[in-house]
Amino acid sequence: MKRFLIAAASMALIAGMAVNSVNAATGTETERGYVSVSASSNKKLVPDTAEISISVVTTDKKSMQNATTENKEISDKIYSAMKELINSENGDFVKTTNFRANPLYNYSNGKRNFDRYEVSNTIVINTKSIDKVGSLIDKAISLGATDVENLNFSVSKYEHECEELLTSATKKARNQADILVKAAGSTIEGVKSLNGSCSPNAVTRVMYNQMNKSLMADSESAQGASMPSTPIEVGVVKIYANVNASFFVK
């Protein structure tokens, strides 16, 4: 019995030593010191591209076909007029982004009642002829467009501008880290993590609807002449770049 207890105790001791050896071998490396900083850069640019979203909505009480035919006639006129006003050789284009045709219903006394058929076509005009934006909008409205949903200005060389701003922000981050680490009596010895983002901040919205169209027509009739094109202020696009960085120190 004594020999068995001694043997068991010896095995337990050996097992304990083995476990301790494994823990020592797989133990994590001592954590390295690091410093984290954030930096940003921004730039204001005059937009050189405009994107206009225009909708043509038609309805008919009796026939979806009638509503569709009317919508096509108006849309074709707008397509033709827009293509004449823009410069395709400069990269300008016109396209359809959404077409919808469906019946509409109203509800009365818990019952669904058919109201009318509605057809909607959304046309997007992308142009670098910034000076023609007001004329494009007015022409589309005069030809039967019912809504101008969005007007966005952008910079065609956006990617290039972002690259420069990210480079600038990264240099600022490194400079900030150098200042902090030097004040602490240490030096930077490598990058721990680095991430950045770039985004624009400029949206211009011009909202037209059937009421705007009627008011414009009434005003033109009263003056006996066409009104000047809608004034559009292009403004500026501000591009932001942000960088978050961590550097190892020693």
Protein backbone atom coordinates (compact mmCIF):
# COMPACT_ATOMS: atom_id res chain seq x y z
CA MET A 1 0.00 0.00 0.00
CA LYS A 2 2.79 2.44 0.88
CA ARG A 3 4.53 1.68 -2.40
CA PHE A 4 1.29 2.41 -4.27
CA LEU A 5 0.82 5.78 -2.49
CA ILE A 6 4.40 6.77 -3.20
CA ALA A 7 3.99 5.83 -6.86
CA ALA A 8 0.71 7.78 -7.09
CA ALA A 9 2.28 10.85 -5.49
CA SER A 10 5.21 10.65 -7.90
CA MET A 11 2.87 10.46 -10.91
CA ALA A 12 0.90 13.47 -9.67
CA LEU A 13 4.10 15.47 -9.24
CA ILE A 14 5.26 14.56 -12.75
CA ALA A 15 1.84 15.49 -14.20
CA GLY A 16 1.96 18.83 -12.42
CA MET A 17 5.39 19.55 -13.81
CA ALA A 18 4.17 18.66 -17.30
CA VAL A 19 1.22 21.05 -17.05
CA ASN A 20 3.46 23.80 -15.78
CA SER A 21 5.82 23.24 -18.68
CA VAL A 22 2.99 23.53 -21.22
CA ASN A 23 1.75 26.78 -19.70
CA ALA A 24 5.22 28.26 -19.78
CA ALA A 25 5.74 27.24 -23.38
CA THR A 26 2.42 28.69 -24.61
CA GLY A 27 2.37 31.78 -22.42
CA THR A 28 1.65 35.09 -24.20
CA GLU A 29 4.46 37.45 -25.04
CA THR A 30 4.79 40.50 -22.83
CA GLU A 31 2.51 43.20 -24.29
CA ARG A 32 4.37 45.92 -26.15
CA GLY A 33 3.73 49.58 -25.39
CA TYR A 34 1.99 51.69 -28.00
CA VAL A 35 0.46 55.11 -28.60
CA SER A 36 -2.82 55.82 -30.45
CA VAL A 37 -3.66 59.05 -32.28
CA SER A 38 -6.29 60.42 -34.66
CA ALA A 39 -5.87 63.06 -37.34
CA SER A 40 -7.96 64.57 -40.14
CA SER A 41 -7.60 66.68 -43.27
CA ASN A 42 -10.22 68.42 -45.39
CA LYS A 43 -10.43 70.43 -48.55
CA LYS A 44 -13.08 72.61 -50.20
CA LEU A 45 -13.55 72.12 -53.92
CA VAL A 46 -15.82 73.65 -56.53
CA PRO A 47 -18.02 70.87 -57.96
CA ASP A 48 -17.67 70.04 -61.64
CA THR A 49 -20.46 67.45 -61.97
CA ALA A 50 -24.19 67.58 -61.28
CA GLU A 51 -26.71 64.75 -61.05
CA ILE A 52 -30.40 65.59 -61.35
CA SER A 53 -33.20 63.09 -60.62
CA ILE A 54 -36.48 63.90 -62.35
CA SER A 55 -39.74 61.94 -62.13
CA VAL A 56 -42.65 61.69 -64.53
CA VAL A 57 -45.84 60.47 -62.85
CA THR A 58 -49.03 59.84 -64.84
CA THR A 59 -52.38 58.43 -63.74
CA ASP A 60 -55.57 57.15 -65.35
CA LYS A 61 -58.85 56.04 -63.78
CA LYS A 62 -59.70 53.43 -66.39
CA SER A 63 -56.60 52.00 -68.01
CA MET A 64 -53.02 51.17 -67.04
CA GLN A 65 -52.23 51.28 -70.76
CA ASN A 66 -53.38 54.88 -71.02
CA ALA A 67 -51.27 55.91 -68.04
CA THR A 68 -48.25 54.09 -69.50
CA THR A 69 -48.68 55.60 -72.96
CA GLU A 70 -48.95 59.13 -71.57
CA ASN A 71 -45.90 58.57 -69.39
CA LYS A 72 -43.87 57.30 -72.35
CA GLU A 73 -44.81 60.31 -74.48
CA ILE A 74 -43.73 62.77 -71.79
CA SER A 75 -40.58 60.84 -70.91
CA ASP A 76 -39.49 60.58 -74.55
CA LYS A 77 -39.79 64.35 -74.92
CA ILE A 78 -37.70 64.90 -71.79
CA TYR A 79 -35.05 62.38 -72.91
CA SER A 80 -34.71 64.09 -76.28
CA ALA A 81 -34.54 67.59 -74.78
CA MET A 82 -32.00 66.61 -72.11
CA LYS A 83 -29.73 64.90 -74.67
CA GLU A 84 -29.74 68.05 -76.78
CA LEU A 85 -28.77 70.25 -73.82
CA ILE A 86 -25.97 68.10 -72.39
CA ASN A 87 -22.58 67.26 -73.91
CA SER A 88 -22.17 63.51 -74.34
CA GLU A 89 -18.60 63.97 -75.61
CA ASN A 90 -17.74 65.32 -72.15
CA GLY A 91 -19.13 62.24 -70.44
CA ASP A 92 -22.66 63.58 -69.85
CA PHE A 93 -25.50 61.04 -69.99
CA VAL A 94 -29.20 60.45 -69.38
CA LYS A 95 -30.60 57.21 -67.96
CA THR A 96 -33.66 55.62 -66.35
CA THR A 97 -33.17 54.48 -62.76
CA ASN A 98 -36.68 53.43 -61.77
CA PHE A 99 -39.93 52.56 -63.56
CA ARG A 100 -43.06 51.60 -61.67
CA ALA A 101 -46.63 50.85 -62.79
CA ASN A 102 -49.30 49.80 -60.29
CA PRO A 103 -52.93 50.30 -59.26
CA LEU A 104 -53.68 52.53 -56.28
CA TYR A 105 -56.43 51.94 -53.73
CA ASN A 106 -58.19 53.85 -50.98
CA TYR A 107 -59.94 52.42 -47.96
CA SER A 108 -63.47 53.16 -46.78
CA ASN A 109 -65.45 51.38 -44.07
CA GLY A 110 -62.80 48.69 -43.88
CA LYS A 111 -62.98 47.94 -47.61
CA ARG A 112 -60.31 48.43 -50.24
CA ASN A 113 -61.56 50.40 -53.23
CA PHE A 114 -59.73 50.89 -56.50
CA ASP A 115 -58.75 54.53 -57.06
CA ARG A 116 -56.54 54.82 -60.16
CA TYR A 117 -53.61 53.44 -62.11
CA GLU A 118 -50.28 55.17 -61.62
CA VAL A 119 -47.09 55.00 -63.68
CA SER A 120 -43.82 56.57 -62.52
CA ASN A 121 -40.56 56.93 -64.44
CA THR A 122 -37.41 58.38 -62.85
CA ILE A 123 -34.87 59.98 -65.17
CA VAL A 124 -31.33 60.85 -64.10
CA ILE A 125 -29.25 63.48 -65.89
CA ASN A 126 -25.52 63.46 -65.16
CA THR A 127 -23.67 66.47 -66.56
CA LYS A 128 -20.50 68.49 -66.25
CA SER A 129 -22.29 71.50 -67.74
CA ILE A 130 -22.91 73.01 -64.33
CA ASP A 131 -24.05 76.31 -65.82
CA LYS A 132 -26.99 74.53 -67.53
CA VAL A 133 -28.49 72.88 -64.43
CA GLY A 134 -31.21 75.49 -63.97
CA SER A 135 -32.17 75.33 -67.65
CA LEU A 136 -32.28 71.53 -67.58
CA ILE A 137 -34.65 71.55 -64.63
CA ASP A 138 -36.94 74.18 -66.14
CA LYS A 139 -37.04 72.42 -69.51
CA ALA A 140 -37.96 69.10 -67.92
CA ILE A 141 -40.76 70.73 -65.90
CA SER A 142 -42.11 72.52 -68.96
CA LEU A 143 -42.29 69.22 -70.84
CA GLY A 144 -44.32 67.49 -68.13
CA ALA A 145 -41.96 66.29 -65.40
CA THR A 146 -43.90 66.23 -62.13
CA ASP A 147 -41.05 66.10 -59.59
CA VAL A 148 -37.40 67.05 -59.30
CA GLU A 149 -36.36 64.76 -56.47
CA ASN A 150 -32.65 65.37 -56.04
CA LEU A 151 -29.84 67.59 -57.22
CA ASN A 152 -26.37 66.49 -56.15
CA PHE A 153 -23.07 68.15 -56.95
CA SER A 154 -19.79 66.23 -56.90
CA VAL A 155 -16.14 66.36 -57.89
CA SER A 156 -15.06 64.12 -60.77
CA LYS A 157 -11.52 63.68 -59.37
CA TYR A 158 -12.85 62.58 -55.98
CA GLU A 159 -10.60 59.50 -55.66
CA HIS A 160 -7.46 61.49 -56.38
CA GLU A 161 -8.42 64.17 -53.87
CA CYS A 162 -9.13 61.50 -51.23
CA GLU A 163 -5.72 59.92 -51.73
CA GLU A 164 -4.00 63.26 -51.13
CA LEU A 165 -6.10 64.00 -48.04
CA LEU A 166 -5.49 60.54 -46.56
CA THR A 167 -1.75 60.98 -47.11
CA SER A 168 -1.88 64.35 -45.36
CA ALA A 169 -3.91 62.98 -42.43
CA THR A 170 -1.53 60.02 -42.02
CA LYS A 171 1.48 62.34 -41.85
CA LYS A 172 -0.34 64.43 -39.23
CA ALA A 173 -1.06 61.30 -37.19
CA ARG A 174 2.60 60.24 -37.29
CA ASN A 175 3.73 63.73 -36.30
CA GLN A 176 1.33 63.77 -33.34
CA ALA A 177 2.60 60.36 -32.24
CA ASP A 178 6.23 61.51 -32.48
CA ILE A 179 5.49 64.51 -30.27
CA LEU A 180 3.75 62.42 -27.61
CA VAL A 181 6.34 59.65 -27.58
CA LYS A 182 9.29 62.07 -27.50
CA ALA A 183 7.73 63.88 -24.53
CA ALA A 184 7.50 60.52 -22.76
CA GLY A 185 11.17 59.76 -23.44
CA SER A 186 10.50 56.94 -25.90
CA THR A 187 10.70 56.34 -29.63
CA ILE A 188 8.38 54.81 -32.23
CA GLU A 189 9.48 51.47 -33.63
CA GLY A 190 6.62 50.42 -35.90
CA VAL A 191 2.94 50.57 -36.85
CA LYS A 192 0.47 48.60 -34.71
CA SER A 193 -2.68 49.53 -36.66
CA LEU A 194 -3.73 52.07 -39.24
CA ASN A 195 -7.12 52.80 -40.77
CA GLY A 196 -8.63 55.73 -42.61
CA SER A 197 -11.78 56.92 -44.33
CA CYS A 198 -12.73 59.63 -46.81
CA SER A 199 -16.15 61.15 -47.51
CA PRO A 200 -17.72 64.20 -49.17
CA ASN A 201 -20.21 66.53 -47.56
CA ALA A 202 -22.39 68.44 -50.00
CA VAL A 203 -25.96 67.80 -51.12
CA THR A 204 -28.20 70.33 -52.82
CA ARG A 205 -31.88 69.53 -53.02
CA VAL A 206 -34.29 71.33 -55.32
CA MET A 207 -37.84 70.17 -54.79
CA TYR A 208 -40.38 70.62 -57.59
CA ASN A 209 -43.84 69.18 -57.74
CA GLN A 210 -47.06 69.73 -59.66
CA MET A 211 -47.85 72.83 -57.58
CA ASN A 212 -44.49 74.40 -58.45
CA LYS A 213 -45.18 73.68 -62.08
CA SER A 214 -48.59 75.36 -61.97
CA LEU A 215 -47.23 78.41 -60.18
CA MET A 216 -44.45 78.73 -62.74
CA ALA A 217 -46.92 78.49 -65.61
CA ASP A 218 -49.20 81.12 -64.03
CA SER A 219 -46.27 83.46 -63.53
CA GLU A 220 -45.15 83.07 -67.14
CA SER A 221 -48.64 83.79 -68.40
CA ALA A 222 -48.88 86.90 -66.24
CA GLN A 223 -45.56 88.23 -67.49
CA GLY A 224 -46.23 87.27 -71.10
CA ALA A 225 -42.71 85.88 -71.44
CA SER A 226 -40.59 83.01 -70.27
CA MET A 227 -39.01 83.30 -66.86
CA PRO A 228 -35.23 83.15 -66.52
CA SER A 229 -33.88 79.73 -65.62
CA THR A 230 -34.06 78.61 -62.01
CA PRO A 231 -31.07 80.05 -60.12
CA ILE A 232 -28.85 77.28 -58.76
CA GLU A 233 -25.99 77.97 -56.36
CA VAL A 234 -23.33 75.32 -56.83
CA GLY A 235 -21.47 76.11 -53.60
CA VAL A 236 -18.57 73.86 -52.64
CA VAL A 237 -17.97 70.22 -51.86
CA LYS A 238 -15.99 69.63 -48.68
CA ILE A 239 -14.06 66.35 -48.60
CA TYR A 240 -13.00 64.92 -45.25
CA ALA A 241 -10.28 62.34 -44.56
CA ASN A 242 -9.88 60.77 -41.11
CA VAL A 243 -7.07 58.49 -39.93
CA ASN A 244 -6.80 56.45 -36.72
CA ALA A 245 -3.32 55.08 -36.03
CA SER A 246 -1.47 53.16 -33.32
CA PHE A 247 2.34 52.93 -33.15
CA PHE A 248 4.56 50.62 -31.12
CA VAL A 249 6.99 52.43 -28.80
CA LYS A 250 10.18 51.42 -27.02
